[in-house]
């Protein structure tokens, strides 16, 4: 395994500005959403590769303001 930084669900949700439940929904509904990686062979804990999260953020269109703004 490389020295890639792993982000927790909490850090990814903060980075994206969404709740944890949205991350679960994104995983099933957005094909290019980063896949979680298992943090060890004997654990259920997972995280996300920081580089994949950053690439996902850069690839998404920016939404600014709302209707009429």
Protein backbone atom coordinates (compact mmCIF):
# COMPACT_ATOMS: atom_id res chain seq x y z
CA UNK A 1 0.00 0.00 0.00
CA UNK A 2 1.25 3.51 -0.77
CA UNK A 3 1.61 6.44 1.61
CA UNK A 4 -1.74 7.78 0.41
CA UNK A 5 -3.65 9.71 3.04
CA UNK A 6 -6.96 8.15 4.12
CA UNK A 7 -9.92 10.35 5.06
CA UNK A 8 -12.66 9.24 7.46
CA UNK A 9 -16.37 9.57 6.69
CA UNK A 10 -16.41 12.59 9.00
CA UNK A 11 -13.57 14.35 7.15
CA UNK A 12 -15.11 13.59 3.73
CA UNK A 13 -18.52 14.86 4.82
CA UNK A 14 -16.89 18.05 6.15
CA UNK A 15 -14.89 18.47 2.94
CA UNK A 16 -18.02 18.06 0.79
CA UNK A 17 -20.29 20.03 3.11
CA UNK A 18 -22.84 17.23 3.43
CA UNK A 19 -23.98 14.81 6.13
CA UNK A 20 -22.86 11.24 6.56
CA UNK A 21 -26.16 9.89 5.22
CA UNK A 22 -25.56 11.84 2.00
CA UNK A 23 -22.22 10.06 1.58
CA UNK A 24 -24.00 6.70 1.74
CA UNK A 25 -26.49 7.93 -0.87
CA UNK A 26 -23.72 9.31 -3.10
CA UNK A 27 -21.96 5.92 -2.97
CA UNK A 28 -25.00 4.22 -4.48
CA UNK A 29 -26.23 6.98 -6.81
CA UNK A 30 -23.09 8.66 -8.22
CA UNK A 31 -20.98 6.29 -10.32
CA UNK A 32 -17.77 8.33 -10.06
CA UNK A 33 -17.97 8.82 -6.29
CA UNK A 34 -14.79 7.52 -4.61
CA UNK A 35 -14.97 3.92 -3.41
CA UNK A 36 -14.23 3.35 0.27
CA UNK A 37 -11.14 1.34 1.21
CA UNK A 38 -10.93 -1.05 4.14
CA UNK A 39 -8.52 0.15 6.82
CA UNK A 40 -7.29 -3.33 7.69
CA UNK A 41 -7.93 -7.01 7.01
CA UNK A 42 -9.66 -7.63 10.35
CA UNK A 43 -11.80 -4.48 10.56
CA UNK A 44 -15.02 -3.15 9.15
CA UNK A 45 -13.70 0.43 9.28
CA UNK A 46 -13.30 2.16 5.96
CA UNK A 47 -11.98 5.46 4.68
CA UNK A 48 -11.52 7.25 1.38
CA UNK A 49 -8.31 8.01 -0.51
CA UNK A 50 -7.70 11.76 -0.22
CA UNK A 51 -6.58 12.01 -3.85
CA UNK A 52 -9.84 10.42 -5.08
CA UNK A 53 -11.95 12.74 -2.91
CA UNK A 54 -10.08 15.80 -4.23
CA UNK A 55 -10.44 14.59 -7.83
CA UNK A 56 -14.17 14.07 -7.28
CA UNK A 57 -14.54 17.60 -5.87
CA UNK A 58 -12.64 19.15 -8.79
CA UNK A 59 -14.74 17.24 -11.33
CA UNK A 60 -18.08 18.41 -9.90
CA UNK A 61 -19.70 21.58 -11.27
CA UNK A 62 -19.72 24.53 -8.89
CA UNK A 63 -23.13 25.76 -7.77
CA UNK A 64 -23.24 29.32 -6.50
CA UNK A 65 -26.19 31.19 -5.12
CA UNK A 66 -29.74 30.10 -5.65
CA UNK A 67 -32.63 31.08 -7.88
CA UNK A 68 -32.53 34.76 -8.65
CA UNK A 69 -29.00 35.27 -7.28
